[in-house]
């Protein structure tokens, strides 16, 4: 079993990193959306005895660095569908929490369920619906019943929308929906998600949020719409390459938003 304590001790002693103030979890193809860090220290997961990412567009590493007078870290997500093991999904979050992280931004490349959304749109997440059939806290001892009302911080959402207005960047706001993946959704699943009030959909973000709230972090979630769902032949041509290509269309705008948000 992978020891969080041993990994944190190694990060402390070998890499001289003892404190993290904020984290950005990088979605597929969204590395360029992260803020610029200085004096960076890159640690591949396999150097820490952690699983390597199996998904293209995910680096499988921590990138620690300074942002002004604070220490930040860029985090590569480990998806549940890669292993079927929630302890691996929790692992990066548990490590950064042990390092003191209290603020976290979750970036996700997502499908647009809301019919008014277009590829390249940015949506700040104000809530989520987890109908994946799994919860990342199952099996944790002791059991903790984590409150999830307003899981995505209201004040952060408000400020992000203000910054978008100041910078003349159009952003949407809505509810994020999750199935477990890795298959894309059927038409009926999309219709169900839409009927239940979803605006975007992906395969990981609600797990990230639940884990982060369990670890007492303040959460900001941002979804990039990388494809839309129409009842035609395009539904059978959805692929990960398209996700990566379309995610890049929003990176510059997200970077502007996050840079100003984190400066505050």
Protein backbone atom coordinates (compact mmCIF):
# COMPACT_ATOMS: atom_id res chain seq x y z
CA UNK A 1 0.00 0.00 0.00
CA UNK A 2 1.28 3.47 -0.92
CA UNK A 3 2.12 5.58 2.13
CA UNK A 4 1.12 9.25 1.99
CA UNK A 5 3.41 9.98 4.94
CA UNK A 6 6.46 8.48 3.20
CA UNK A 7 5.79 10.43 0.01
CA UNK A 8 5.35 13.70 1.91
CA UNK A 9 8.55 13.04 3.87
CA UNK A 10 10.41 12.45 0.61
CA UNK A 11 9.05 15.69 -0.87
CA UNK A 12 10.13 17.52 2.31
CA UNK A 13 13.62 16.07 2.56
CA UNK A 14 14.72 15.38 -1.01
CA UNK A 15 13.06 18.34 -2.73
CA UNK A 16 12.95 20.80 0.21
CA UNK A 17 9.24 21.52 -0.19
CA UNK A 18 7.43 21.85 3.13
CA UNK A 19 4.42 24.04 2.42
CA UNK A 20 1.85 24.43 -0.35
CA UNK A 21 -0.67 27.27 -0.37
CA UNK A 22 -2.75 26.43 -3.44
CA UNK A 23 -3.13 23.75 -6.08
CA UNK A 24 -4.41 23.60 -9.65
CA UNK A 25 -5.59 20.21 -10.90
CA UNK A 26 -4.90 20.06 -14.63
CA UNK A 27 -7.62 18.70 -16.93
CA UNK A 28 -6.99 17.04 -20.28
CA UNK A 29 -5.07 19.41 -22.54
CA UNK A 30 -5.22 22.29 -20.05
CA UNK A 31 -1.61 22.56 -18.87
CA UNK A 32 -1.24 25.94 -20.59
CA UNK A 33 -4.21 27.28 -18.59
CA UNK A 34 -2.24 27.18 -15.34
CA UNK A 35 -0.64 30.26 -13.84
CA UNK A 36 3.08 30.84 -14.37
CA UNK A 37 5.16 29.54 -11.48
CA UNK A 38 8.79 30.47 -10.81
CA UNK A 39 11.63 28.43 -9.28
CA UNK A 40 9.76 25.30 -10.28
CA UNK A 41 10.48 21.80 -9.03
CA UNK A 42 9.01 19.01 -11.17
CA UNK A 43 8.53 15.61 -9.56
CA UNK A 44 7.25 12.75 -11.77
CA UNK A 45 4.82 10.52 -9.90
CA UNK A 46 6.89 7.40 -10.50
CA UNK A 47 9.81 9.01 -8.62
CA UNK A 48 7.53 9.06 -5.57
CA UNK A 49 6.27 5.50 -5.96
CA UNK A 50 2.93 6.75 -7.34
CA UNK A 51 1.10 5.38 -10.39
CA UNK A 52 1.91 6.86 -13.78
CA UNK A 53 -0.94 8.45 -15.69
CA UNK A 54 -2.26 6.27 -18.51
CA UNK A 55 -4.14 9.10 -20.23
CA UNK A 56 -2.68 11.27 -22.97
CA UNK A 57 -2.71 14.93 -21.99
CA UNK A 58 -2.02 14.19 -18.31
CA UNK A 59 1.59 14.64 -17.28
CA UNK A 60 1.74 12.31 -14.28
CA UNK A 61 3.74 14.73 -12.14
CA UNK A 62 3.67 17.48 -9.53
CA UNK A 63 5.04 20.87 -10.54
CA UNK A 64 5.80 22.99 -7.47
CA UNK A 65 6.71 26.66 -7.77
CA UNK A 66 6.38 30.17 -6.43
CA UNK A 67 3.54 32.50 -7.35
CA UNK A 68 4.43 35.81 -5.76
CA UNK A 69 5.10 35.03 -2.12
CA UNK A 70 3.08 31.82 -2.14
CA UNK A 71 3.87 28.23 -3.08
CA UNK A 72 1.64 26.59 -5.65
CA UNK A 73 1.50 23.14 -7.21
CA UNK A 74 0.14 21.87 -10.50
CA UNK A 75 -1.40 18.44 -10.01
CA UNK A 76 -1.90 15.69 -12.58
CA UNK A 77 -5.18 13.88 -12.04
CA UNK A 78 -5.36 10.10 -11.56
CA UNK A 79 -8.72 8.96 -12.93
CA UNK A 80 -10.81 6.23 -11.35
CA UNK A 81 -11.26 4.55 -14.73
CA UNK A 82 -7.49 4.05 -15.01
CA UNK A 83 -7.33 1.63 -12.09
CA UNK A 84 -10.73 1.12 -10.47
CA UNK A 85 -9.00 2.06 -7.20
CA UNK A 86 -10.27 5.15 -5.37
CA UNK A 87 -7.26 5.20 -3.05
CA UNK A 88 -5.15 6.11 -6.10
CA UNK A 89 -7.62 8.84 -7.08
CA UNK A 90 -7.35 10.33 -3.57
CA UNK A 91 -3.57 10.08 -3.39
CA UNK A 92 -2.45 13.39 -5.00
CA UNK A 93 -5.04 15.28 -2.95
CA UNK A 94 -3.98 13.64 0.30
CA UNK A 95 -0.35 14.54 -0.42
CA UNK A 96 -1.00 18.22 -1.08
CA UNK A 97 -3.32 18.40 1.93
CA UNK A 98 -0.51 17.07 4.14
CA UNK A 99 1.64 19.85 2.69
CA UNK A 100 -0.90 22.38 3.94
CA UNK A 101 -2.91 23.14 0.79
CA UNK A 102 -6.17 24.96 1.57
CA UNK A 103 -7.23 26.35 -1.83
CA UNK A 104 -7.71 24.23 -4.94
CA UNK A 105 -8.76 24.92 -8.53
CA UNK A 106 -10.20 21.98 -10.48
CA UNK A 107 -9.85 22.31 -14.25
CA UNK A 108 -11.80 19.88 -16.39
CA UNK A 109 -12.32 19.30 -20.11
CA UNK A 110 -16.01 18.57 -20.45
CA UNK A 111 -18.86 17.87 -22.81
CA UNK A 112 -21.48 20.58 -23.21
CA UNK A 113 -24.88 19.29 -22.10
CA UNK A 114 -26.50 22.73 -22.13
CA UNK A 115 -27.66 23.22 -25.72
CA UNK A 116 -26.63 26.90 -25.67
CA UNK A 117 -22.97 26.01 -25.04
CA UNK A 118 -20.36 25.95 -27.80
CA UNK A 119 -16.91 24.39 -28.08
CA UNK A 120 -14.37 26.61 -26.34
CA UNK A 121 -16.81 28.03 -23.79
CA UNK A 122 -15.63 28.37 -20.19
CA UNK A 123 -18.03 27.45 -17.38
CA UNK A 124 -17.48 28.13 -13.69
CA UNK A 125 -18.97 25.19 -11.77
CA UNK A 126 -21.48 26.14 -9.07
CA UNK A 127 -22.56 22.60 -8.18
CA UNK A 128 -22.30 19.02 -9.36
CA UNK A 129 -24.38 15.87 -9.71
CA UNK A 130 -22.48 12.64 -9.11
CA UNK A 131 -24.38 9.75 -10.68
CA UNK A 132 -21.26 7.73 -11.45
CA UNK A 133 -22.29 5.02 -8.99
CA UNK A 134 -19.15 5.62 -6.90
CA UNK A 135 -18.01 7.90 -4.12
CA UNK A 136 -14.28 8.41 -3.47
CA UNK A 137 -14.76 8.37 0.31
CA UNK A 138 -16.15 4.83 0.48
CA UNK A 139 -13.91 2.69 2.68
CA UNK A 140 -12.13 5.56 4.43
CA UNK A 141 -11.70 4.89 8.14
CA UNK A 142 -13.00 6.60 10.19
CA UNK A 143 -16.14 7.34 8.19
CA UNK A 144 -16.73 11.06 7.69
CA UNK A 145 -20.05 12.44 6.47
CA UNK A 146 -18.89 15.43 4.46
CA UNK A 147 -21.29 18.38 3.92
CA UNK A 148 -21.51 19.18 0.20
CA UNK A 149 -23.95 22.13 0.09
CA UNK A 150 -22.12 25.00 -1.65
CA UNK A 151 -19.13 22.72 -2.20
CA UNK A 152 -17.86 25.15 -4.84
CA UNK A 153 -17.05 28.30 -2.90
CA UNK A 154 -19.67 31.01 -3.44
CA UNK A 155 -17.32 33.94 -2.87
CA UNK A 156 -14.75 32.54 -5.29
CA UNK A 157 -17.44 32.07 -7.95
CA UNK A 158 -18.60 35.65 -7.44
CA UNK A 159 -15.06 37.05 -7.73
CA UNK A 160 -14.24 34.92 -10.78
CA UNK A 161 -17.32 36.28 -12.58
CA UNK A 162 -16.30 39.84 -11.65
CA UNK A 163 -12.80 39.28 -13.00
CA UNK A 164 -14.25 37.86 -16.23
CA UNK A 165 -16.35 40.99 -16.64
CA UNK A 166 -13.35 43.24 -15.95
CA UNK A 167 -11.23 41.34 -18.49
CA UNK A 168 -14.08 41.13 -21.04
CA UNK A 169 -13.98 37.33 -21.00
CA UNK A 170 -17.27 35.54 -21.50
CA UNK A 171 -17.88 32.78 -18.97
CA UNK A 172 -20.89 30.60 -18.27
CA UNK A 173 -22.02 29.26 -14.91
CA UNK A 174 -23.65 25.93 -14.29
CA UNK A 175 -23.97 22.45 -12.87
CA UNK A 176 -21.44 19.74 -13.67
CA UNK A 177 -22.47 16.10 -14.08
CA UNK A 178 -20.35 12.98 -13.82
CA UNK A 179 -20.48 9.42 -15.01
CA UNK A 180 -17.54 7.10 -14.30
CA UNK A 181 -16.18 6.67 -17.85
CA UNK A 182 -14.14 5.81 -19.77
CA UNK A 183 -16.87 5.31 -22.38
CA UNK A 184 -18.57 8.44 -23.63
CA UNK A 185 -22.23 8.94 -22.78
CA UNK A 186 -25.13 7.46 -24.68
CA UNK A 187 -27.78 9.79 -26.08
CA UNK A 188 -30.18 8.67 -23.36
CA UNK A 189 -27.61 9.37 -20.65
CA UNK A 190 -27.12 12.87 -22.04
CA UNK A 191 -30.87 13.49 -22.10
CA UNK A 192 -31.14 12.29 -18.48
CA UNK A 193 -28.30 14.59 -17.41
CA UNK A 194 -29.94 17.52 -19.20
CA UNK A 195 -33.34 16.77 -17.63
CA UNK A 196 -31.70 16.68 -14.19
CA UNK A 197 -30.24 20.15 -14.68
CA UNK A 198 -26.70 19.46 -15.90
CA UNK A 199 -24.84 21.95 -18.08
CA UNK A 200 -21.55 20.08 -18.55
CA UNK A 201 -20.36 16.51 -18.11
CA UNK A 202 -17.07 14.67 -17.51
CA UNK A 203 -15.56 11.60 -15.87
CA UNK A 204 -13.72 12.87 -12.79
CA UNK A 205 -14.50 16.29 -11.36
CA UNK A 206 -17.11 15.45 -8.73
CA UNK A 207 -14.67 12.95 -7.19
CA UNK A 208 -12.02 15.70 -7.00
CA UNK A 209 -14.45 18.05 -5.30
CA UNK A 210 -15.66 15.47 -2.77
CA UNK A 211 -12.09 14.54 -1.84
CA UNK A 212 -11.08 18.19 -1.57
CA UNK A 213 -14.00 19.00 0.72
CA UNK A 214 -13.17 15.96 2.86
CA UNK A 215 -9.65 17.35 3.16
CA UNK A 216 -11.09 20.78 4.10
CA UNK A 217 -9.99 22.70 1.02
CA UNK A 218 -11.78 25.64 -0.58
CA UNK A 219 -12.82 24.56 -4.09
CA UNK A 220 -13.08 26.42 -7.39
CA UNK A 221 -14.15 24.42 -10.44
CA UNK A 222 -13.79 25.49 -14.08
CA UNK A 223 -15.02 23.41 -17.02
CA UNK A 224 -13.96 23.93 -20.63
CA UNK A 225 -16.48 22.77 -23.21
CA UNK A 226 -14.53 20.56 -25.63
CA UNK A 227 -17.44 18.94 -27.47
CA UNK A 228 -21.20 19.24 -27.72
CA UNK A 229 -23.78 16.52 -28.07
CA UNK A 230 -26.04 16.32 -31.09
CA UNK A 231 -28.13 13.43 -32.31
CA UNK A 232 -26.19 12.84 -35.50
CA UNK A 233 -23.20 10.94 -36.78
CA UNK A 234 -20.76 13.24 -34.95
CA UNK A 235 -21.66 11.43 -31.72
CA UNK A 236 -19.89 8.35 -33.01
CA UNK A 237 -16.74 10.33 -33.79
CA UNK A 238 -16.02 11.67 -30.30
CA UNK A 239 -12.38 11.01 -29.43
CA UNK A 240 -9.69 12.07 -26.99
CA UNK A 241 -7.63 13.86 -29.64
CA UNK A 242 -10.56 16.19 -30.22
CA UNK A 243 -10.76 16.82 -26.47
CA UNK A 244 -7.09 17.84 -26.29
CA UNK A 245 -7.31 20.05 -29.38
CA UNK A 246 -10.46 21.88 -28.27
CA UNK A 247 -9.26 22.30 -24.68
CA UNK A 248 -6.34 24.38 -25.91
CA UNK A 249 -8.77 26.98 -27.30
CA UNK A 250 -9.64 28.17 -23.80
CA UNK A 251 -6.23 28.06 -22.12
CA UNK A 252 -5.22 31.71 -22.61
CA UNK A 253 -8.51 33.01 -21.22
CA UNK A 254 -8.45 30.71 -18.19
CA UNK A 255 -4.86 31.69 -17.46
CA UNK A 256 -5.87 35.37 -17.33
CA UNK A 257 -8.74 34.59 -14.95
CA UNK A 258 -6.68 32.38 -12.64
CA UNK A 259 -3.70 34.72 -12.55
CA UNK A 260 -5.83 37.61 -11.33
CA UNK A 261 -7.86 35.40 -8.96
CA UNK A 262 -4.78 33.93 -7.30
CA UNK A 263 -3.05 37.29 -7.08
CA UNK A 264 -5.81 38.25 -4.66
